[in-house]
Amino acid sequence: MNDQELMENMLMLEKGVCDLYLHGTIEASTDNVRSSFGSALNSSLSMQDQIYSKMSEKGWYKTDCAEQDKISQLKQQFS
């Protein structure tokens, strides 16, 4: 397993953790529990962003820009 594959796995795991913390925050029954999950969620989102940034910096996570005509079509569709 190379560095890129390790980073991809780390990113996917961190996204999963964020999902779990989000649901914990939403479903929390008390303010203390909600606050704890919210704090953990924010930390995980920060880690996810750091992993993404490092991968992007190395060219391992490329994003494509949306084409303007497709953006216009979607705007019309949902207007």
PDB file of N, CA and C in Angstrom:
ATOM      1  N   MET A   1       0.857  -1.180   0.000  1.00  0.00           N
ATOM      2  CA  MET A   1       0.000   0.000   0.000  1.00  0.00           C
ATOM      3  C   MET A   1       0.902   1.242   0.000  1.00  0.00           C
ATOM      4  N   ASN A   2       0.651   2.134  -0.950  1.00  0.00           N
ATOM      5  CA  ASN A   2       1.482   3.332  -1.037  1.00  0.00           C
ATOM      6  C   ASN A   2       0.859   4.496  -0.254  1.00  0.00           C
ATOM      7  N   ASP A   3       1.579   5.610  -0.226  1.00  0.00           N
ATOM      8  CA  ASP A   3       1.122   6.772   0.552  1.00  0.00           C
ATOM      9  C   ASP A   3      -0.235   7.295   0.081  1.00  0.00           C
ATOM     10  N   GLN A   4      -0.437   7.309  -1.223  1.00  0.00           N
ATOM     11  CA  GLN A   4      -1.709   7.813  -1.741  1.00  0.00           C
ATOM     12  C   GLN A   4      -2.869   6.939  -1.275  1.00  0.00           C
ATOM     13  N   GLU A   5      -2.710   5.647  -1.337  1.00  0.00           N
ATOM     14  CA  GLU A   5      -3.771   4.734  -0.896  1.00  0.00           C
ATOM     15  C   GLU A   5      -4.034   4.874   0.600  1.00  0.00           C
ATOM     16  N   LEU A   6      -2.977   5.058   1.373  1.00  0.00           N
ATOM     17  CA  LEU A   6      -3.148   5.274   2.816  1.00  0.00           C
ATOM     18  C   LEU A   6      -3.935   6.554   3.090  1.00  0.00           C
ATOM     19  N   MET A   7      -3.589   7.609   2.375  1.00  0.00           N
ATOM     20  CA  MET A   7      -4.299   8.884   2.567  1.00  0.00           C
ATOM     21  C   MET A   7      -5.758   8.770   2.124  1.00  0.00           C
ATOM     22  N   GLU A   8      -6.010   8.048   1.033  1.00  0.00           N
ATOM     23  CA  GLU A   8      -7.392   7.842   0.582  1.00  0.00           C
ATOM     24  C   GLU A   8      -8.189   7.097   1.652  1.00  0.00           C
ATOM     25  N   ASN A   9      -7.584   6.084   2.238  1.00  0.00           N
ATOM     26  CA  ASN A   9      -8.250   5.332   3.309  1.00  0.00           C
ATOM     27  C   ASN A   9      -8.496   6.210   4.525  1.00  0.00           C
ATOM     28  N   MET A  10      -7.505   7.023   4.891  1.00  0.00           N
ATOM     29  CA  MET A  10      -7.673   7.925   6.032  1.00  0.00           C
ATOM     30  C   MET A  10      -8.814   8.907   5.778  1.00  0.00           C
ATOM     31  N   LEU A  11      -8.878   9.432   4.560  1.00  0.00           N
ATOM     32  CA  LEU A  11      -9.932  10.391   4.230  1.00  0.00           C
ATOM     33  C   LEU A  11     -11.310   9.737   4.306  1.00  0.00           C
ATOM     34  N   MET A  12     -11.440   8.541   3.761  1.00  0.00           N
ATOM     35  CA  MET A  12     -12.725   7.844   3.799  1.00  0.00           C
ATOM     36  C   MET A  12     -13.138   7.519   5.243  1.00  0.00           C
ATOM     37  N   LEU A  13     -12.179   7.093   6.046  1.00  0.00           N
ATOM     38  CA  LEU A  13     -12.484   6.812   7.452  1.00  0.00           C
ATOM     39  C   LEU A  13     -12.912   8.081   8.182  1.00  0.00           C
ATOM     40  N   GLU A  14     -12.219   9.168   7.932  1.00  0.00           N
ATOM     41  CA  GLU A  14     -12.550  10.429   8.609  1.00  0.00           C
ATOM     42  C   GLU A  14     -13.925  10.923   8.183  1.00  0.00           C
ATOM     43  N   LYS A  15     -14.266  10.752   6.913  1.00  0.00           N
ATOM     44  CA  LYS A  15     -15.611  11.120   6.454  1.00  0.00           C
ATOM     45  C   LYS A  15     -16.667  10.284   7.174  1.00  0.00           C
ATOM     46  N   GLY A  16     -16.379   9.005   7.371  1.00  0.00           N
ATOM     47  CA  GLY A  16     -17.306   8.134   8.101  1.00  0.00           C
ATOM     48  C   GLY A  16     -17.472   8.569   9.541  1.00  0.00           C
ATOM     49  N   VAL A  17     -16.371   8.955  10.172  1.00  0.00           N
ATOM     50  CA  VAL A  17     -16.420   9.437  11.555  1.00  0.00           C
ATOM     51  C   VAL A  17     -17.261  10.710  11.625  1.00  0.00           C
ATOM     52  N   CYS A  18     -17.062  11.614  10.663  1.00  0.00           N
ATOM     53  CA  CYS A  18     -17.849  12.852  10.628  1.00  0.00           C
ATOM     54  C   CYS A  18     -19.334  12.539  10.522  1.00  0.00           C
ATOM     55  N   ASP A  19     -19.675  11.567   9.698  1.00  0.00           N
ATOM     56  CA  ASP A  19     -21.069  11.168   9.540  1.00  0.00           C
ATOM     57  C   ASP A  19     -21.645  10.661  10.859  1.00  0.00           C
ATOM     58  N   LEU A  20     -20.889   9.846  11.559  1.00  0.00           N
ATOM     59  CA  LEU A  20     -21.359   9.322  12.847  1.00  0.00           C
ATOM     60  C   LEU A  20     -21.535  10.433  13.877  1.00  0.00           C
ATOM     61  N   TYR A  21     -20.563  11.341  13.942  1.00  0.00           N
ATOM     62  CA  TYR A  21     -20.672  12.452  14.893  1.00  0.00           C
ATOM     63  C   TYR A  21     -21.831  13.377  14.540  1.00  0.00           C
ATOM     64  N   LEU A  22     -22.076  13.591  13.254  1.00  0.00           N
ATOM     65  CA  LEU A  22     -23.204  14.415  12.846  1.00  0.00           C
ATOM     66  C   LEU A  22     -24.510  13.813  13.332  1.00  0.00           C
ATOM     67  N   HIS A  23     -24.674  12.503  13.121  1.00  0.00           N
ATOM     68  CA  HIS A  23     -25.903  11.851  13.570  1.00  0.00           C
ATOM     69  C   HIS A  23     -26.004  11.863  15.093  1.00  0.00           C
ATOM     70  N   GLY A  24     -24.879  11.713  15.768  1.00  0.00           N
ATOM     71  CA  GLY A  24     -24.896  11.809  17.231  1.00  0.00           C
ATOM     72  C   GLY A  24     -25.339  13.180  17.696  1.00  0.00           C
ATOM     73  N   THR A  25     -24.870  14.211  17.003  1.00  0.00           N
ATOM     74  CA  THR A  25     -25.257  15.580  17.352  1.00  0.00           C
ATOM     75  C   THR A  25     -26.748  15.796  17.129  1.00  0.00           C
ATOM     76  N   ILE A  26     -27.242  15.321  16.000  1.00  0.00           N
ATOM     77  CA  ILE A  26     -28.659  15.492  15.662  1.00  0.00           C
ATOM     78  C   ILE A  26     -29.555  14.750  16.646  1.00  0.00           C
ATOM     79  N   GLU A  27     -29.151  13.546  17.030  1.00  0.00           N
ATOM     80  CA  GLU A  27     -29.993  12.693  17.864  1.00  0.00           C
ATOM     81  C   GLU A  27     -29.795  12.887  19.368  1.00  0.00           C
ATOM     82  N   ALA A  28     -28.864  13.731  19.753  1.00  0.00           N
ATOM     83  CA  ALA A  28     -28.566  13.917  21.180  1.00  0.00           C
ATOM     84  C   ALA A  28     -29.795  14.389  21.943  1.00  0.00           C
ATOM     85  N   SER A  29     -29.961  13.829  23.133  1.00  0.00           N
ATOM     86  CA  SER A  29     -31.157  14.151  23.920  1.00  0.00           C
ATOM     87  C   SER A  29     -30.912  15.241  24.959  1.00  0.00           C
ATOM     88  N   THR A  30     -29.651  15.567  25.214  1.00  0.00           N
ATOM     89  CA  THR A  30     -29.357  16.629  26.182  1.00  0.00           C
ATOM     90  C   THR A  30     -28.346  17.605  25.582  1.00  0.00           C
ATOM     91  N   ASP A  31     -28.307  18.795  26.152  1.00  0.00           N
ATOM     92  CA  ASP A  31     -27.373  19.807  25.662  1.00  0.00           C
ATOM     93  C   ASP A  31     -25.921  19.374  25.829  1.00  0.00           C
ATOM     94  N   ASN A  32     -25.607  18.707  26.939  1.00  0.00           N
ATOM     95  CA  ASN A  32     -24.229  18.270  27.179  1.00  0.00           C
ATOM     96  C   ASN A  32     -23.785  17.247  26.134  1.00  0.00           C
ATOM     97  N   VAL A  33     -24.651  16.294  25.833  1.00  0.00           N
ATOM     98  CA  VAL A  33     -24.324  15.270  24.837  1.00  0.00           C
ATOM     99  C   VAL A  33     -24.203  15.916  23.465  1.00  0.00           C
ATOM    100  N   ARG A  34     -25.134  16.808  23.140  1.00  0.00           N
ATOM    101  CA  ARG A  34     -25.103  17.503  21.853  1.00  0.00           C
ATOM    102  C   ARG A  34     -23.822  18.316  21.709  1.00  0.00           C
ATOM    103  N   SER A  35     -23.444  18.984  22.759  1.00  0.00           N
ATOM    104  CA  SER A  35     -22.215  19.783  22.741  1.00  0.00           C
ATOM    105  C   SER A  35     -20.979  18.905  22.547  1.00  0.00           C
ATOM    106  N   SER A  36     -20.951  17.762  23.222  1.00  0.00           N
ATOM    107  CA  SER A  36     -19.809  16.846  23.090  1.00  0.00           C
ATOM    108  C   SER A  36     -19.699  16.308  21.669  1.00  0.00           C
ATOM    109  N   PHE A  37     -20.820  15.876  21.117  1.00  0.00           N
ATOM    110  CA  PHE A  37     -20.799  15.384  19.741  1.00  0.00           C
ATOM    111  C   PHE A  37     -20.444  16.508  18.768  1.00  0.00           C
ATOM    112  N   GLY A  38     -20.974  17.692  19.009  1.00  0.00           N
ATOM    113  CA  GLY A  38     -20.678  18.827  18.132  1.00  0.00           C
ATOM    114  C   GLY A  38     -19.202  19.183  18.139  1.00  0.00           C
ATOM    115  N   SER A  39     -18.606  19.136  19.314  1.00  0.00           N
ATOM    116  CA  SER A  39     -17.174  19.415  19.435  1.00  0.00           C
ATOM    117  C   SER A  39     -16.346  18.352  18.715  1.00  0.00           C
ATOM    118  N   ALA A  40     -16.719  17.089  18.889  1.00  0.00           N
ATOM    119  CA  ALA A  40     -16.019  16.000  18.205  1.00  0.00           C
ATOM    120  C   ALA A  40     -16.198  16.131  16.695  1.00  0.00           C
ATOM    121  N   LEU A  41     -17.389  16.523  16.260  1.00  0.00           N
ATOM    122  CA  LEU A  41     -17.659  16.706  14.833  1.00  0.00           C
ATOM    123  C   LEU A  41     -16.749  17.795  14.265  1.00  0.00           C
ATOM    124  N   ASN A  42     -16.658  18.927  14.959  1.00  0.00           N
ATOM    125  CA  ASN A  42     -15.805  20.013  14.477  1.00  0.00           C
ATOM    126  C   ASN A  42     -14.344  19.592  14.379  1.00  0.00           C
ATOM    127  N   SER A  43     -13.863  18.824  15.344  1.00  0.00           N
ATOM    128  CA  SER A  43     -12.486  18.326  15.300  1.00  0.00           C
ATOM    129  C   SER A  43     -12.286  17.391  14.117  1.00  0.00           C
ATOM    130  N   SER A  44     -13.250  16.524  13.888  1.00  0.00           N
ATOM    131  CA  SER A  44     -13.149  15.579  12.777  1.00  0.00           C
ATOM    132  C   SER A  44     -13.229  16.286  11.430  1.00  0.00           C
ATOM    133  N   LEU A  45     -14.076  17.301  11.338  1.00  0.00           N
ATOM    134  CA  LEU A  45     -14.154  18.072  10.100  1.00  0.00           C
ATOM    135  C   LEU A  45     -12.827  18.770   9.820  1.00  0.00           C
ATOM    136  N   SER A  46     -12.190  19.251  10.857  1.00  0.00           N
ATOM    137  CA  SER A  46     -10.880  19.889  10.707  1.00  0.00           C
ATOM    138  C   SER A  46      -9.835  18.882  10.218  1.00  0.00           C
ATOM    139  N   MET A  47      -9.843  17.681  10.801  1.00  0.00           N
ATOM    140  CA  MET A  47      -8.910  16.644  10.355  1.00  0.00           C
ATOM    141  C   MET A  47      -9.180  16.247   8.914  1.00  0.00           C
ATOM    142  N   GLN A  48     -10.466  16.116   8.564  1.00  0.00           N
ATOM    143  CA  GLN A  48     -10.833  15.763   7.189  1.00  0.00           C
ATOM    144  C   GLN A  48     -10.312  16.827   6.232  1.00  0.00           C
ATOM    145  N   ASP A  49     -10.440  18.085   6.600  1.00  0.00           N
ATOM    146  CA  ASP A  49      -9.969  19.178   5.759  1.00  0.00           C
ATOM    147  C   ASP A  49      -8.448  19.141   5.599  1.00  0.00           C
ATOM    148  N   GLN A  50      -7.747  18.830   6.673  1.00  0.00           N
ATOM    149  CA  GLN A  50      -6.286  18.745   6.608  1.00  0.00           C
ATOM    150  C   GLN A  50      -5.843  17.605   5.693  1.00  0.00           C
ATOM    151  N   ILE A  51      -6.503  16.470   5.789  1.00  0.00           N
ATOM    152  CA  ILE A  51      -6.164  15.328   4.933  1.00  0.00           C
ATOM    153  C   ILE A  51      -6.454  15.678   3.475  1.00  0.00           C
ATOM    154  N   TYR A  52      -7.637  16.242   3.222  1.00  0.00           N
ATOM    155  CA  TYR A  52      -7.998  16.648   1.863  1.00  0.00           C
ATOM    156  C   TYR A  52      -6.985  17.643   1.308  1.00  0.00           C
ATOM    157  N   SER A  53      -6.614  18.644   2.100  1.00  0.00           N
ATOM    158  CA  SER A  53      -5.668  19.670   1.644  1.00  0.00           C
ATOM    159  C   SER A  53      -4.324  19.056   1.277  1.00  0.00           C
ATOM    160  N   LYS A  54      -3.849  18.144   2.093  1.00  0.00           N
ATOM    161  CA  LYS A  54      -2.562  17.493   1.825  1.00  0.00           C
ATOM    162  C   LYS A  54      -2.650  16.660   0.546  1.00  0.00           C
ATOM    163  N   MET A  55      -3.756  15.935   0.375  1.00  0.00           N
ATOM    164  CA  MET A  55      -3.931  15.127  -0.833  1.00  0.00           C
ATOM    165  C   MET A  55      -4.024  16.017  -2.073  1.00  0.00           C
ATOM    166  N   SER A  56      -4.735  17.104  -1.962  1.00  0.00           N
ATOM    167  CA  SER A  56      -4.883  18.039  -3.070  1.00  0.00           C
ATOM    168  C   SER A  56      -3.533  18.660  -3.423  1.00  0.00           C
ATOM    169  N   GLU A  57      -2.785  19.012  -2.410  1.00  0.00           N
ATOM    170  CA  GLU A  57      -1.450  19.593  -2.583  1.00  0.00           C
ATOM    171  C   GLU A  57      -0.539  18.642  -3.367  1.00  0.00           C
ATOM    172  N   LYS A  58      -0.665  17.360  -3.116  1.00  0.00           N
ATOM    173  CA  LYS A  58       0.166  16.353  -3.782  1.00  0.00           C
ATOM    174  C   LYS A  58      -0.424  15.911  -5.128  1.00  0.00           C
ATOM    175  N   GLY A  59      -1.598  16.446  -5.480  1.00  0.00           N
ATOM    176  CA  GLY A  59      -2.234  16.081  -6.739  1.00  0.00           C
ATOM    177  C   GLY A  59      -2.973  14.759  -6.685  1.00  0.00           C
ATOM    178  N   TRP A  60      -3.272  14.285  -5.484  1.00  0.00           N
ATOM    179  CA  TRP A  60      -3.930  12.992  -5.308  1.00  0.00           C
ATOM    180  C   TRP A  60      -5.446  13.110  -5.231  1.00  0.00           C
ATOM    181  N   TYR A  61      -5.957  14.316  -5.112  1.00  0.00           N
ATOM    182  CA  TYR A  61      -7.402  14.524  -5.015  1.00  0.00           C
ATOM    183  C   TYR A  61      -7.720  15.733  -5.871  1.00  0.00           C
ATOM    184  N   LYS A  62      -8.102  15.466  -7.087  1.00  0.00           N
ATOM    185  CA  LYS A  62      -8.378  16.545  -8.024  1.00  0.00           C
ATOM    186  C   LYS A  62      -9.883  16.763  -8.128  1.00  0.00           C
ATOM    187  N   THR A  63     -10.252  18.008  -8.200  1.00  0.00           N
ATOM    188  CA  THR A  63     -11.660  18.348  -8.396  1.00  0.00           C
ATOM    189  C   THR A  63     -11.805  19.017  -9.754  1.00  0.00           C
ATOM    190  N   ASP A  64     -12.895  18.738 -10.415  1.00  0.00           N
ATOM    191  CA  ASP A  64     -13.181  19.348 -11.706  1.00  0.00           C
ATOM    192  C   ASP A  64     -14.108  20.528 -11.500  1.00  0.00           C
ATOM    193  N   CYS A  65     -13.874  21.566 -12.266  1.00  0.00           N
ATOM    194  CA  CYS A  65     -14.764  22.723 -12.223  1.00  0.00           C
ATOM    195  C   CYS A  65     -16.026  22.396 -13.018  1.00  0.00           C
ATOM    196  N   ALA A  66     -17.136  22.857 -12.519  1.00  0.00           N
ATOM    197  CA  ALA A  66     -18.405  22.642 -13.218  1.00  0.00           C
ATOM    198  C   ALA A  66     -18.453  23.533 -14.453  1.00  0.00           C
ATOM    199  N   GLU A  67     -18.996  22.998 -15.521  1.00  0.00           N
ATOM    200  CA  GLU A  67     -19.138  23.764 -16.753  1.00  0.00           C
ATOM    201  C   GLU A  67     -20.282  24.759 -16.591  1.00  0.00           C
ATOM    202  N   GLN A  68     -20.067  25.968 -17.090  1.00  0.00           N
ATOM    203  CA  GLN A  68     -21.039  27.039 -16.912  1.00  0.00           C
ATOM    204  C   GLN A  68     -22.400  26.687 -17.500  1.00  0.00           C
ATOM    205  N   ASP A  69     -22.431  26.003 -18.628  1.00  0.00           N
ATOM    206  CA  ASP A  69     -23.734  25.665 -19.228  1.00  0.00           C
ATOM    207  C   ASP A  69     -24.508  24.684 -18.359  1.00  0.00           C
ATOM    208  N   LYS A  70     -23.809  23.774 -17.689  1.00  0.00           N
ATOM    209  CA  LYS A  70     -24.491  22.839 -16.792  1.00  0.00           C
ATOM    210  C   LYS A  70     -25.027  23.561 -15.556  1.00  0.00           C
ATOM    211  N   ILE A  71     -24.282  24.537 -15.075  1.00  0.00           N
ATOM    212  CA  ILE A  71     -24.742  25.341 -13.933  1.00  0.00           C
ATOM    213  C   ILE A  71     -26.009  26.093 -14.326  1.00  0.00           C
ATOM    214  N   SER A  72     -25.996  26.691 -15.506  1.00  0.00           N
ATOM    215  CA  SER A  72     -27.168  27.439 -15.985  1.00  0.00           C
ATOM    216  C   SER A  72     -28.380  26.535 -16.143  1.00  0.00           C
ATOM    217  N   GLN A  73     -28.165  25.320 -16.667  1.00  0.00           N
ATOM    218  CA  GLN A  73     -29.268  24.371 -16.823  1.00  0.00           C
ATOM    219  C   GLN A  73     -29.887  24.021 -15.476  1.00  0.00           C
ATOM    220  N   LEU A  74     -29.053  23.778 -14.486  1.00  0.00           N
ATOM    221  CA  LEU A  74     -29.567  23.432 -13.164  1.00  0.00           C
ATOM    222  C   LEU A  74     -30.290  24.605 -12.520  1.00  0.00           C
ATOM    223  N   LYS A  75     -29.777  25.804 -12.725  1.00  0.00           N
ATOM    224  CA  LYS A  75     -30.460  26.995 -12.192  1.00  0.00           C
ATOM    225  C   LYS A  75     -31.856  27.111 -12.768  1.00  0.00           C
ATOM    226  N   GLN A  76     -31.964  26.904 -14.080  1.00  0.00           N
ATOM    227  CA  GLN A  76     -33.273  26.973 -14.729  1.00  0.00           C
ATOM    228  C   GLN A  76     -34.198  25.869 -14.236  1.00  0.00           C
ATOM    229  N   GLN A  77     -33.627  24.687 -14.058  1.00  0.00           N
ATOM    230  CA  GLN A  77     -34.431  23.538 -13.630  1.00  0.00           C
ATOM    231  C   GLN A  77     -35.025  23.763 -12.252  1.00  0.00           C
ATOM    232  N   PHE A  78     -34.306  24.387 -11.344  1.00  0.00           N
ATOM    233  CA  PHE A  78     -34.769  24.553  -9.971  1.00  0.00           C
ATOM    234  C   PHE A  78     -35.284  25.955  -9.666  1.00  0.00           C
ATOM    235  N   SER A  79     -35.478  26.762 -10.686  1.00  0.00           N
ATOM    236  CA  SER A  79     -36.025  28.115 -10.472  1.00  0.00           C
ATOM    237  C   SER A  79     -37.527  28.100 -10.517  1.00  0.00           C
TER     238      SER A  79
END
